[in-house]
Amino acid sequence: MAKATLFAMGLAALAPAAMGQGDMALTEIGALRPGQEVMLRGVVLRITDEDEFILSDASGQVPVYVGPNRVPAAQGEMITVIGRVDDDGPREVYATRIINLDGAEFALPHRY
């Protein structure tokens, strides 16, 4: 099966896990804007540090910062990320919550 098909199947399976997010709409990584509140769905492409990883969807990739917390997901895992796009630096997302495929939710408190 092609990677794109597997990716699409994984995103479809992840949809129920992100239900109940109010009126926040899913945003594609390729459409991110500075300062935007977002809900992203994708695959953890690579963990780059104990508190940062690269999230990938069909439209692109973006670094996701979870600090000062540890990344609560594994490389290759499908997840939903809720957070805010940095408004004054390189394009990255500051996550406030991560929801795993099984529905487990992780709140990510920030102390900055």
PDB file of N, CA and C in Angstrom:
ATOM      1  N   MET A   1       0.840  -1.167   0.000  1.00  0.00           N
ATOM      2  CA  MET A   1       0.000   0.000   0.000  1.00  0.00           C
ATOM      3  C   MET A   1       0.894   1.242   0.000  1.00  0.00           C
ATOM      4  N   ALA A   2       0.543   2.268  -0.729  1.00  0.00           N
ATOM      5  CA  ALA A   2       1.343   3.485  -0.836  1.00  0.00           C
ATOM      6  C   ALA A   2       1.342   4.250   0.480  1.00  0.00           C
ATOM      7  N   LYS A   3       2.461   4.963   0.726  1.00  0.00           N
ATOM      8  CA  LYS A   3       2.574   5.752   1.956  1.00  0.00           C
ATOM      9  C   LYS A   3       1.441   6.755   2.095  1.00  0.00           C
ATOM     10  N   ALA A   4       1.060   7.431   1.006  1.00  0.00           N
ATOM     11  CA  ALA A   4      -0.009   8.432   1.059  1.00  0.00           C
ATOM     12  C   ALA A   4      -1.319   7.801   1.506  1.00  0.00           C
ATOM     13  N   THR A   5      -1.602   6.587   1.026  1.00  0.00           N
ATOM     14  CA  THR A   5      -2.831   5.891   1.417  1.00  0.00           C
ATOM     15  C   THR A   5      -2.795   5.533   2.897  1.00  0.00           C
ATOM     16  N   LEU A   6      -1.658   5.015   3.368  1.00  0.00           N
ATOM     17  CA  LEU A   6      -1.533   4.685   4.789  1.00  0.00           C
ATOM     18  C   LEU A   6      -1.671   5.939   5.646  1.00  0.00           C
ATOM     19  N   PHE A   7      -1.078   7.036   5.199  1.00  0.00           N
ATOM     20  CA  PHE A   7      -1.162   8.299   5.923  1.00  0.00           C
ATOM     21  C   PHE A   7      -2.620   8.742   6.026  1.00  0.00           C
ATOM     22  N   ALA A   8      -3.358   8.710   4.910  1.00  0.00           N
ATOM     23  CA  ALA A   8      -4.761   9.118   4.893  1.00  0.00           C
ATOM     24  C   ALA A   8      -5.604   8.219   5.792  1.00  0.00           C
ATOM     25  N   MET A   9      -5.334   6.918   5.765  1.00  0.00           N
ATOM     26  CA  MET A   9      -6.076   5.986   6.621  1.00  0.00           C
ATOM     27  C   MET A   9      -5.816   6.306   8.090  1.00  0.00           C
ATOM     28  N   GLY A  10      -4.578   6.612   8.438  1.00  0.00           N
ATOM     29  CA  GLY A  10      -4.238   6.952   9.812  1.00  0.00           C
ATOM     30  C   GLY A  10      -4.914   8.226  10.260  1.00  0.00           C
ATOM     31  N   LEU A  11      -4.981   9.236   9.388  1.00  0.00           N
ATOM     32  CA  LEU A  11      -5.655  10.485   9.731  1.00  0.00           C
ATOM     33  C   LEU A  11      -7.140  10.260   9.950  1.00  0.00           C
ATOM     34  N   ALA A  12      -7.752   9.414   9.126  1.00  0.00           N
ATOM     35  CA  ALA A  12      -9.172   9.127   9.291  1.00  0.00           C
ATOM     36  C   ALA A  12      -9.420   8.441  10.630  1.00  0.00           C
ATOM     37  N   ALA A  13      -8.530   7.550  11.026  1.00  0.00           N
ATOM     38  CA  ALA A  13      -8.689   6.856  12.306  1.00  0.00           C
ATOM     39  C   ALA A  13      -8.482   7.806  13.477  1.00  0.00           C
ATOM     40  N   LEU A  14      -7.679   8.847  13.285  1.00  0.00           N
ATOM     41  CA  LEU A  14      -7.387   9.789  14.355  1.00  0.00           C
ATOM     42  C   LEU A  14      -8.523  10.772  14.587  1.00  0.00           C
ATOM     43  N   ALA A  15      -9.382  10.974  13.612  1.00  0.00           N
ATOM     44  CA  ALA A  15     -10.438  11.980  13.704  1.00  0.00           C
ATOM     45  C   ALA A  15     -11.281  11.865  14.970  1.00  0.00           C
ATOM     46  N   PRO A  16     -11.771  10.683  15.369  1.00  0.00           N
ATOM     47  CA  PRO A  16     -12.585  10.614  16.573  1.00  0.00           C
ATOM     48  C   PRO A  16     -11.836  11.058  17.827  1.00  0.00           C
ATOM     49  N   ALA A  17     -10.528  10.880  17.878  1.00  0.00           N
ATOM     50  CA  ALA A  17      -9.763  11.246  19.061  1.00  0.00           C
ATOM     51  C   ALA A  17      -9.749  12.743  19.292  1.00  0.00           C
ATOM     52  N   ALA A  18      -9.960  13.519  18.260  1.00  0.00           N
ATOM     53  CA  ALA A  18      -9.908  14.972  18.403  1.00  0.00           C
ATOM     54  C   ALA A  18     -11.302  15.588  18.487  1.00  0.00           C
ATOM     55  N   MET A  19     -12.322  14.776  18.539  1.00  0.00           N
ATOM     56  CA  MET A  19     -13.681  15.291  18.649  1.00  0.00           C
ATOM     57  C   MET A  19     -13.821  16.059  19.949  1.00  0.00           C
ATOM     58  N   GLY A  20     -14.744  16.977  19.991  1.00  0.00           N
ATOM     59  CA  GLY A  20     -14.980  17.726  21.209  1.00  0.00           C
ATOM     60  C   GLY A  20     -13.984  18.859  21.409  1.00  0.00           C
ATOM     61  N   GLN A  21     -13.346  19.348  20.364  1.00  0.00           N
ATOM     62  CA  GLN A  21     -12.389  20.438  20.485  1.00  0.00           C
ATOM     63  C   GLN A  21     -13.074  21.781  20.275  1.00  0.00           C
ATOM     64  N   GLY A  22     -14.366  21.854  20.585  1.00  0.00           N
ATOM     65  CA  GLY A  22     -15.094  23.103  20.404  1.00  0.00           C
ATOM     66  C   GLY A  22     -15.245  23.394  18.919  1.00  0.00           C
ATOM     67  N   ASP A  23     -15.118  24.665  18.573  1.00  0.00           N
ATOM     68  CA  ASP A  23     -15.279  25.025  17.171  1.00  0.00           C
ATOM     69  C   ASP A  23     -13.938  25.226  16.481  1.00  0.00           C
ATOM     70  N   MET A  24     -12.865  24.693  17.048  1.00  0.00           N
ATOM     71  CA  MET A  24     -11.551  24.792  16.424  1.00  0.00           C
ATOM     72  C   MET A  24     -11.506  23.849  15.230  1.00  0.00           C
ATOM     73  N   ALA A  25     -11.151  24.390  14.073  1.00  0.00           N
ATOM     74  CA  ALA A  25     -11.077  23.602  12.857  1.00  0.00           C
ATOM     75  C   ALA A  25      -9.671  23.053  12.666  1.00  0.00           C
ATOM     76  N   LEU A  26      -9.592  21.938  12.007  1.00  0.00           N
ATOM     77  CA  LEU A  26      -8.315  21.340  11.661  1.00  0.00           C
ATOM     78  C   LEU A  26      -7.583  22.262  10.687  1.00  0.00           C
ATOM     79  N   THR A  27      -6.298  22.485  10.916  1.00  0.00           N
ATOM     80  CA  THR A  27      -5.470  23.326  10.052  1.00  0.00           C
ATOM     81  C   THR A  27      -4.394  22.461   9.411  1.00  0.00           C
ATOM     82  N   GLU A  28      -4.152  22.662   8.133  1.00  0.00           N
ATOM     83  CA  GLU A  28      -3.045  21.978   7.469  1.00  0.00           C
ATOM     84  C   GLU A  28      -1.751  22.711   7.789  1.00  0.00           C
ATOM     85  N   ILE A  29      -0.677  21.980   7.944  1.00  0.00           N
ATOM     86  CA  ILE A  29       0.614  22.577   8.262  1.00  0.00           C
ATOM     87  C   ILE A  29       1.017  23.605   7.205  1.00  0.00           C
ATOM     88  N   GLY A  30       0.753  23.323   5.952  1.00  0.00           N
ATOM     89  CA  GLY A  30       1.116  24.238   4.878  1.00  0.00           C
ATOM     90  C   GLY A  30       0.401  25.572   4.925  1.00  0.00           C
ATOM     91  N   ALA A  31      -0.669  25.683   5.719  1.00  0.00           N
ATOM     92  CA  ALA A  31      -1.462  26.919   5.791  1.00  0.00           C
ATOM     93  C   ALA A  31      -1.257  27.693   7.096  1.00  0.00           C
ATOM     94  N   LEU A  32      -0.258  27.331   7.895  1.00  0.00           N
ATOM     95  CA  LEU A  32      -0.054  27.994   9.185  1.00  0.00           C
ATOM     96  C   LEU A  32       0.287  29.465   9.012  1.00  0.00           C
ATOM     97  N   ARG A  33      -0.262  30.309   9.939  1.00  0.00           N
ATOM     98  CA  ARG A  33       0.024  31.739   9.965  1.00  0.00           C
ATOM     99  C   ARG A  33       0.536  32.120  11.352  1.00  0.00           C
ATOM    100  N   PRO A  34       1.452  33.070  11.448  1.00  0.00           N
ATOM    101  CA  PRO A  34       1.986  33.500  12.752  1.00  0.00           C
ATOM    102  C   PRO A  34       0.871  33.898  13.724  1.00  0.00           C
ATOM    103  N   GLY A  35       0.980  33.434  14.967  1.00  0.00           N
ATOM    104  CA  GLY A  35       0.038  33.778  16.023  1.00  0.00           C
ATOM    105  C   GLY A  35      -1.264  33.005  16.000  1.00  0.00           C
ATOM    106  N   GLN A  36      -1.479  32.169  15.028  1.00  0.00           N
ATOM    107  CA  GLN A  36      -2.724  31.424  14.855  1.00  0.00           C
ATOM    108  C   GLN A  36      -2.857  30.312  15.893  1.00  0.00           C
ATOM    109  N   GLU A  37      -4.056  30.169  16.475  1.00  0.00           N
ATOM    110  CA  GLU A  37      -4.383  29.023  17.316  1.00  0.00           C
ATOM    111  C   GLU A  37      -4.741  27.887  16.369  1.00  0.00           C
ATOM    112  N   VAL A  38      -4.173  26.689  16.590  1.00  0.00           N
ATOM    113  CA  VAL A  38      -4.345  25.612  15.619  1.00  0.00           C
ATOM    114  C   VAL A  38      -4.629  24.267  16.263  1.00  0.00           C
ATOM    115  N   MET A  39      -5.253  23.406  15.458  1.00  0.00           N
ATOM    116  CA  MET A  39      -5.355  21.991  15.745  1.00  0.00           C
ATOM    117  C   MET A  39      -4.791  21.296  14.508  1.00  0.00           C
ATOM    118  N   LEU A  40      -3.711  20.543  14.705  1.00  0.00           N
ATOM    119  CA  LEU A  40      -3.026  19.855  13.613  1.00  0.00           C
ATOM    120  C   LEU A  40      -3.126  18.355  13.821  1.00  0.00           C
ATOM    121  N   ARG A  41      -3.189  17.606  12.732  1.00  0.00           N
ATOM    122  CA  ARG A  41      -3.123  16.150  12.806  1.00  0.00           C
ATOM    123  C   ARG A  41      -2.019  15.686  11.892  1.00  0.00           C
ATOM    124  N   GLY A  42      -1.200  14.791  12.400  1.00  0.00           N
ATOM    125  CA  GLY A  42      -0.130  14.286  11.568  1.00  0.00           C
ATOM    126  C   GLY A  42       0.688  13.224  12.262  1.00  0.00           C
ATOM    127  N   VAL A  43       1.848  12.968  11.677  1.00  0.00           N
ATOM    128  CA  VAL A  43       2.755  11.929  12.143  1.00  0.00           C
ATOM    129  C   VAL A  43       3.985  12.597  12.748  1.00  0.00           C
ATOM    130  N   VAL A  44       4.448  12.058  13.876  1.00  0.00           N
ATOM    131  CA  VAL A  44       5.711  12.513  14.452  1.00  0.00           C
ATOM    132  C   VAL A  44       6.801  11.986  13.529  1.00  0.00           C
ATOM    133  N   LEU A  45       7.350  12.886  12.732  1.00  0.00           N
ATOM    134  CA  LEU A  45       8.357  12.505  11.749  1.00  0.00           C
ATOM    135  C   LEU A  45       9.689  12.200  12.421  1.00  0.00           C
ATOM    136  N   ARG A  46      10.065  13.075  13.375  1.00  0.00           N
ATOM    137  CA  ARG A  46      11.361  12.923  14.039  1.00  0.00           C
ATOM    138  C   ARG A  46      11.315  13.686  15.364  1.00  0.00           C
ATOM    139  N   ILE A  47      11.885  13.104  16.417  1.00  0.00           N
ATOM    140  CA  ILE A  47      12.035  13.808  17.688  1.00  0.00           C
ATOM    141  C   ILE A  47      13.408  14.460  17.651  1.00  0.00           C
ATOM    142  N   THR A  48      13.436  15.794  17.740  1.00  0.00           N
ATOM    143  CA  THR A  48      14.680  16.542  17.573  1.00  0.00           C
ATOM    144  C   THR A  48      15.341  16.909  18.892  1.00  0.00           C
ATOM    145  N   ASP A  49      14.596  16.849  19.982  1.00  0.00           N
ATOM    146  CA  ASP A  49      15.104  17.159  21.318  1.00  0.00           C
ATOM    147  C   ASP A  49      14.103  16.569  22.308  1.00  0.00           C
ATOM    148  N   GLU A  50      14.431  16.572  23.586  1.00  0.00           N
ATOM    149  CA  GLU A  50      13.495  15.987  24.555  1.00  0.00           C
ATOM    150  C   GLU A  50      12.185  16.752  24.622  1.00  0.00           C
ATOM    151  N   ASP A  51      12.172  18.027  24.163  1.00  0.00           N
ATOM    152  CA  ASP A  51      10.950  18.824  24.225  1.00  0.00           C
ATOM    153  C   ASP A  51      10.533  19.397  22.867  1.00  0.00           C
ATOM    154  N   GLU A  52      10.963  18.766  21.778  1.00  0.00           N
ATOM    155  CA  GLU A  52      10.581  19.246  20.453  1.00  0.00           C
ATOM    156  C   GLU A  52      10.604  18.095  19.446  1.00  0.00           C
ATOM    157  N   PHE A  53       9.670  18.159  18.488  1.00  0.00           N
ATOM    158  CA  PHE A  53       9.623  17.161  17.430  1.00  0.00           C
ATOM    159  C   PHE A  53       9.130  17.808  16.147  1.00  0.00           C
ATOM    160  N   ILE A  54       9.270  17.089  15.050  1.00  0.00           N
ATOM    161  CA  ILE A  54       8.784  17.538  13.747  1.00  0.00           C
ATOM    162  C   ILE A  54       7.487  16.786  13.452  1.00  0.00           C
ATOM    163  N   LEU A  55       6.412  17.544  13.216  1.00  0.00           N
ATOM    164  CA  LEU A  55       5.118  16.976  12.852  1.00  0.00           C
ATOM    165  C   LEU A  55       4.954  17.106  11.345  1.00  0.00           C
ATOM    166  N   SER A  56       4.427  16.067  10.711  1.00  0.00           N
ATOM    167  CA  SER A  56       4.264  16.062   9.262  1.00  0.00           C
ATOM    168  C   SER A  56       2.833  15.682   8.893  1.00  0.00           C
ATOM    169  N   ASP A  57       2.273  16.421   7.921  1.00  0.00           N
ATOM    170  CA  ASP A  57       1.010  16.004   7.316  1.00  0.00           C
ATOM    171  C   ASP A  57       1.201  16.076   5.805  1.00  0.00           C
ATOM    172  N   ALA A  58       0.153  15.863   5.039  1.00  0.00           N
ATOM    173  CA  ALA A  58       0.267  15.834   3.582  1.00  0.00           C
ATOM    174  C   ALA A  58       0.686  17.183   2.998  1.00  0.00           C
ATOM    175  N   SER A  59       0.541  18.283   3.768  1.00  0.00           N
ATOM    176  CA  SER A  59       0.846  19.617   3.244  1.00  0.00           C
ATOM    177  C   SER A  59       2.215  20.152   3.656  1.00  0.00           C
ATOM    178  N   GLY A  60       2.900  19.472   4.583  1.00  0.00           N
ATOM    179  CA  GLY A  60       4.219  19.944   4.991  1.00  0.00           C
ATOM    180  C   GLY A  60       4.649  19.429   6.349  1.00  0.00           C
ATOM    181  N   GLN A  61       5.659  20.116   6.903  1.00  0.00           N
ATOM    182  CA  GLN A  61       6.234  19.752   8.200  1.00  0.00           C
ATOM    183  C   GLN A  61       6.411  21.011   9.036  1.00  0.00           C
ATOM    184  N   VAL A  62       6.387  20.837  10.374  1.00  0.00           N
ATOM    185  CA  VAL A  62       6.610  21.968  11.265  1.00  0.00           C
ATOM    186  C   VAL A  62       7.201  21.449  12.579  1.00  0.00           C
ATOM    187  N   PRO A  63       8.163  22.195  13.153  1.00  0.00           N
ATOM    188  CA  PRO A  63       8.632  21.845  14.494  1.00  0.00           C
ATOM    189  C   PRO A  63       7.534  22.150  15.515  1.00  0.00           C
ATOM    190  N   VAL A  64       7.392  21.275  16.495  1.00  0.00           N
ATOM    191  CA  VAL A  64       6.424  21.461  17.577  1.00  0.00           C
ATOM    192  C   VAL A  64       7.191  21.438  18.891  1.00  0.00           C
ATOM    193  N   TYR A  65       7.034  22.507  19.669  1.00  0.00           N
ATOM    194  CA  TYR A  65       7.723  22.660  20.948  1.00  0.00           C
ATOM    195  C   TYR A  65       6.751  22.319  22.075  1.00  0.00           C
ATOM    196  N   VAL A  66       7.166  21.463  23.000  1.00  0.00           N
ATOM    197  CA  VAL A  66       6.306  21.054  24.120  1.00  0.00           C
ATOM    198  C   VAL A  66       6.906  21.422  25.472  1.00  0.00           C
ATOM    199  N   GLY A  67       8.065  22.089  25.467  1.00  0.00           N
ATOM    200  CA  GLY A  67       8.813  22.389  26.686  1.00  0.00           C
ATOM    201  C   GLY A  67       8.070  23.229  27.681  1.00  0.00           C
ATOM    202  N   PRO A  68       8.445  23.076  28.897  1.00  0.00           N
ATOM    203  CA  PRO A  68       9.564  22.297  29.415  1.00  0.00           C
ATOM    204  C   PRO A  68       9.195  20.844  29.694  1.00  0.00           C
ATOM    205  N   ASN A  69       8.276  20.313  28.939  1.00  0.00           N
ATOM    206  CA  ASN A  69       7.809  18.934  29.093  1.00  0.00           C
ATOM    207  C   ASN A  69       8.539  18.016  28.110  1.00  0.00           C
ATOM    208  N   ARG A  70       8.483  16.728  28.377  1.00  0.00           N
ATOM    209  CA  ARG A  70       9.031  15.753  27.435  1.00  0.00           C
ATOM    210  C   ARG A  70       7.986  15.456  26.359  1.00  0.00           C
ATOM    211  N   VAL A  71       8.453  15.090  25.180  1.00  0.00           N
ATOM    212  CA  VAL A  71       7.555  14.748  24.073  1.00  0.00           C
ATOM    213  C   VAL A  71       6.748  13.511  24.463  1.00  0.00           C
ATOM    214  N   PRO A  72       5.399  13.628  24.505  1.00  0.00           N
ATOM    215  CA  PRO A  72       4.570  12.488  24.913  1.00  0.00           C
ATOM    216  C   PRO A  72       4.119  11.620  23.741  1.00  0.00           C
ATOM    217  N   ALA A  73       4.991  11.444  22.768  1.00  0.00           N
ATOM    218  CA  ALA A  73       4.667  10.638  21.592  1.00  0.00           C
ATOM    219  C   ALA A  73       5.962  10.022  21.060  1.00  0.00           C
ATOM    220  N   ALA A  74       5.816   9.041  20.204  1.00  0.00           N
ATOM    221  CA  ALA A  74       6.979   8.364  19.627  1.00  0.00           C
ATOM    222  C   ALA A  74       7.082   8.673  18.140  1.00  0.00           C
ATOM    223  N   GLN A  75       8.274   8.551  17.610  1.00  0.00           N
ATOM    224  CA  GLN A  75       8.481   8.735  16.180  1.00  0.00           C
ATOM    225  C   GLN A  75       7.572   7.766  15.431  1.00  0.00           C
ATOM    226  N   GLY A  76       6.904   8.274  14.392  1.00  0.00           N
ATOM    227  CA  GLY A  76       5.996   7.461  13.596  1.00  0.00           C
ATOM    228  C   GLY A  76       4.565   7.429  14.114  1.00  0.00           C
ATOM    229  N   GLU A  77       4.322   7.991  15.271  1.00  0.00           N
ATOM    230  CA  GLU A  77       2.989   7.967  15.881  1.00  0.00           C
ATOM    231  C   GLU A  77       2.095   9.053  15.276  1.00  0.00           C
ATOM    232  N   MET A  78       0.828   8.698  15.046  1.00  0.00           N
ATOM    233  CA  MET A  78      -0.178   9.656  14.580  1.00  0.00           C
ATOM    234  C   MET A  78      -0.743  10.374  15.797  1.00  0.00           C
ATOM    235  N   ILE A  79      -0.782  11.720  15.760  1.00  0.00           N
ATOM    236  CA  ILE A  79      -1.272  12.495  16.898  1.00  0.00           C
ATOM    237  C   ILE A  79      -2.046  13.723  16.432  1.00  0.00           C
ATOM    238  N   THR A  80      -2.761  14.328  17.374  1.00  0.00           N
ATOM    239  CA  THR A  80      -3.372  15.637  17.194  1.00  0.00           C
ATOM    240  C   THR A  80      -2.639  16.590  18.116  1.00  0.00           C
ATOM    241  N   VAL A  81      -2.260  17.754  17.582  1.00  0.00           N
ATOM    242  CA  VAL A  81      -1.575  18.782  18.366  1.00  0.00           C
ATOM    243  C   VAL A  81      -2.461  20.007  18.408  1.00  0.00           C
ATOM    244  N   ILE A  82      -2.678  20.546  19.599  1.00  0.00           N
ATOM    245  CA  ILE A  82      -3.416  21.792  19.765  1.00  0.00           C
ATOM    246  C   ILE A  82      -2.438  22.799  20.350  1.00  0.00           C
ATOM    247  N   GLY A  83      -2.385  23.975  19.753  1.00  0.00           N
ATOM    248  CA  GLY A  83      -1.437  24.966  20.231  1.00  0.00           C
ATOM    249  C   GLY A  83      -1.507  26.258  19.445  1.00  0.00           C
ATOM    250  N   ARG A  84      -0.382  26.995  19.453  1.00  0.00           N
ATOM    251  CA  ARG A  84      -0.308  28.303  18.811  1.00  0.00           C
ATOM    252  C   ARG A  84       0.960  28.394  17.987  1.00  0.00           C
ATOM    253  N   VAL A  85       0.850  28.990  16.809  1.00  0.00           N
ATOM    254  CA  VAL A  85       2.006  29.201  15.944  1.00  0.00           C
ATOM    255  C   VAL A  85       2.799  30.387  16.480  1.00  0.00           C
ATOM    256  N   ASP A  86       4.112  30.242  16.568  1.00  0.00           N
ATOM    257  CA  ASP A  86       4.985  31.335  17.017  1.00  0.00           C
ATOM    258  C   ASP A  86       4.722  32.554  16.144  1.00  0.00           C
ATOM    259  N   ASP A  87       4.658  33.723  16.779  1.00  0.00           N
ATOM    260  CA  ASP A  87       4.346  34.928  16.012  1.00  0.00           C
ATOM    261  C   ASP A  87       5.547  35.829  15.748  1.00  0.00           C
ATOM    262  N   ASP A  88       6.733  35.460  16.220  1.00  0.00           N
ATOM    263  CA  ASP A  88       7.862  36.372  16.005  1.00  0.00           C
ATOM    264  C   ASP A  88       9.189  35.677  15.726  1.00  0.00           C
ATOM    265  N   GLY A  89       9.163  34.503  15.237  1.00  0.00           N
ATOM    266  CA  GLY A  89      10.417  33.797  14.960  1.00  0.00           C
ATOM    267  C   GLY A  89      10.224  32.808  13.846  1.00  0.00           C
ATOM    268  N   PRO A  90      11.065  31.798  13.813  1.00  0.00           N
ATOM    269  CA  PRO A  90      10.871  30.774  12.786  1.00  0.00           C
ATOM    270  C   PRO A  90       9.523  30.083  12.986  1.00  0.00           C
ATOM    271  N   ARG A  91       8.986  29.559  11.930  1.00  0.00           N
ATOM    272  CA  ARG A  91       7.672  28.919  12.019  1.00  0.00           C
ATOM    273  C   ARG A  91       7.779  27.661  12.864  1.00  0.00           C
ATOM    274  N   GLU A  92       7.139  27.680  14.030  1.00  0.00           N
ATOM    275  CA  GLU A  92       7.017  26.508  14.889  1.00  0.00           C
ATOM    276  C   GLU A  92       5.748  26.647  15.697  1.00  0.00           C
ATOM    277  N   VAL A  93       5.292  25.536  16.243  1.00  0.00           N
ATOM    278  CA  VAL A  93       4.055  25.509  17.017  1.00  0.00           C
ATOM    279  C   VAL A  93       4.395  25.234  18.469  1.00  0.00           C
ATOM    280  N   TYR A  94       3.813  26.032  19.364  1.00  0.00           N
ATOM    281  CA  TYR A  94       3.920  25.796  20.804  1.00  0.00           C
ATOM    282  C   TYR A  94       2.684  25.001  21.211  1.00  0.00           C
ATOM    283  N   ALA A  95       2.871  23.717  21.497  1.00  0.00           N
ATOM    284  CA  ALA A  95       1.744  22.837  21.817  1.00  0.00           C
ATOM    285  C   ALA A  95       1.253  23.067  23.235  1.00  0.00           C
ATOM    286  N   THR A  96      -0.061  23.059  23.412  1.00  0.00           N
ATOM    287  CA  THR A  96      -0.661  23.114  24.736  1.00  0.00           C
ATOM    288  C   THR A  96      -1.305  21.785  25.113  1.00  0.00           C
ATOM    289  N   ARG A  97      -1.668  20.990  24.078  1.00  0.00           N
ATOM    290  CA  ARG A  97      -2.228  19.655  24.303  1.00  0.00           C
ATOM    291  C   ARG A  97      -1.841  18.751  23.153  1.00  0.00           C
ATOM    292  N   ILE A  98      -1.658  17.482  23.479  1.00  0.00           N
ATOM    293  CA  ILE A  98      -1.431  16.450  22.464  1.00  0.00           C
ATOM    294  C   ILE A  98      -2.390  15.311  22.759  1.00  0.00           C
ATOM    295  N   ILE A  99      -3.032  14.816  21.700  1.00  0.00           N
ATOM    296  CA  ILE A  99      -3.959  13.697  21.830  1.00  0.00           C
ATOM    297  C   ILE A  99      -3.427  12.562  20.969  1.00  0.00           C
ATOM    298  N   ASN A 100      -3.193  11.414  21.598  1.00  0.00           N
ATOM    299  CA  ASN A 100      -2.706  10.235  20.881  1.00  0.00           C
ATOM    300  C   ASN A 100      -3.860   9.531  20.182  1.00  0.00           C
ATOM    301  N   LEU A 101      -3.525   8.620  19.317  1.00  0.00           N
ATOM    302  CA  LEU A 101      -4.513   7.888  18.525  1.00  0.00           C
ATOM    303  C   LEU A 101      -5.538   7.167  19.401  1.00  0.00           C
ATOM    304  N   ASP A 102      -5.107   6.685  20.571  1.00  0.00           N
ATOM    305  CA  ASP A 102      -6.036   5.970  21.455  1.00  0.00           C
ATOM    306  C   ASP A 102      -6.897   6.908  22.296  1.00  0.00           C
ATOM    307  N   GLY A 103      -6.748   8.237  22.098  1.00  0.00           N
ATOM    308  CA  GLY A 103      -7.562   9.215  22.815  1.00  0.00           C
ATOM    309  C   GLY A 103      -6.921   9.754  24.082  1.00  0.00           C
ATOM    310  N   ALA A 104      -5.761   9.223  24.465  1.00  0.00           N
ATOM    311  CA  ALA A 104      -5.069   9.743  25.652  1.00  0.00           C
ATOM    312  C   ALA A 104      -4.654  11.184  25.382  1.00  0.00           C
ATOM    313  N   GLU A 105      -4.967  12.066  26.321  1.00  0.00           N
ATOM    314  CA  GLU A 105      -4.687  13.486  26.155  1.00  0.00           C
ATOM    315  C   GLU A 105      -3.630  13.936  27.157  1.00  0.00           C
ATOM    316  N   PHE A 106      -2.675  14.738  26.673  1.00  0.00           N
ATOM    317  CA  PHE A 106      -1.600  15.243  27.502  1.00  0.00           C
ATOM    318  C   PHE A 106      -1.636  16.763  27.497  1.00  0.00           C
ATOM    319  N   ALA A 107      -1.869  17.361  28.676  1.00  0.00           N
ATOM    320  CA  ALA A 107      -1.793  18.821  28.814  1.00  0.00           C
ATOM    321  C   ALA A 107      -0.320  19.178  28.962  1.00  0.00           C
ATOM    322  N   LEU A 108       0.085  20.258  28.327  1.00  0.00           N
ATOM    323  CA  LEU A 108       1.483  20.660  28.322  1.00  0.00           C
ATOM    324  C   LEU A 108       1.622  22.056  28.938  1.00  0.00           C
ATOM    325  N   PRO A 109       1.811  22.135  30.241  1.00  0.00           N
ATOM    326  CA  PRO A 109       1.955  23.451  30.866  1.00  0.00           C
ATOM    327  C   PRO A 109       3.274  24.095  30.463  1.00  0.00           C
ATOM    328  N   HIS A 110       3.216  25.393  30.212  1.00  0.00           N
ATOM    329  CA  HIS A 110       4.409  26.162  29.856  1.00  0.00           C
ATOM    330  C   HIS A 110       4.726  27.125  31.003  1.00  0.00           C
ATOM    331  N   ARG A 111       6.003  27.269  31.289  1.00  0.00           N
ATOM    332  CA  ARG A 111       6.426  28.181  32.364  1.00  0.00           C
ATOM    333  C   ARG A 111       7.345  29.249  31.797  1.00  0.00           C
ATOM    334  N   TYR A 112       6.873  29.964  30.815  1.00  0.00           N
ATOM    335  CA  TYR A 112       7.664  31.056  30.241  1.00  0.00           C
ATOM    336  C   TYR A 112       6.784  32.227  29.961  1.00  0.00           C
TER     337      TYR A 112
END
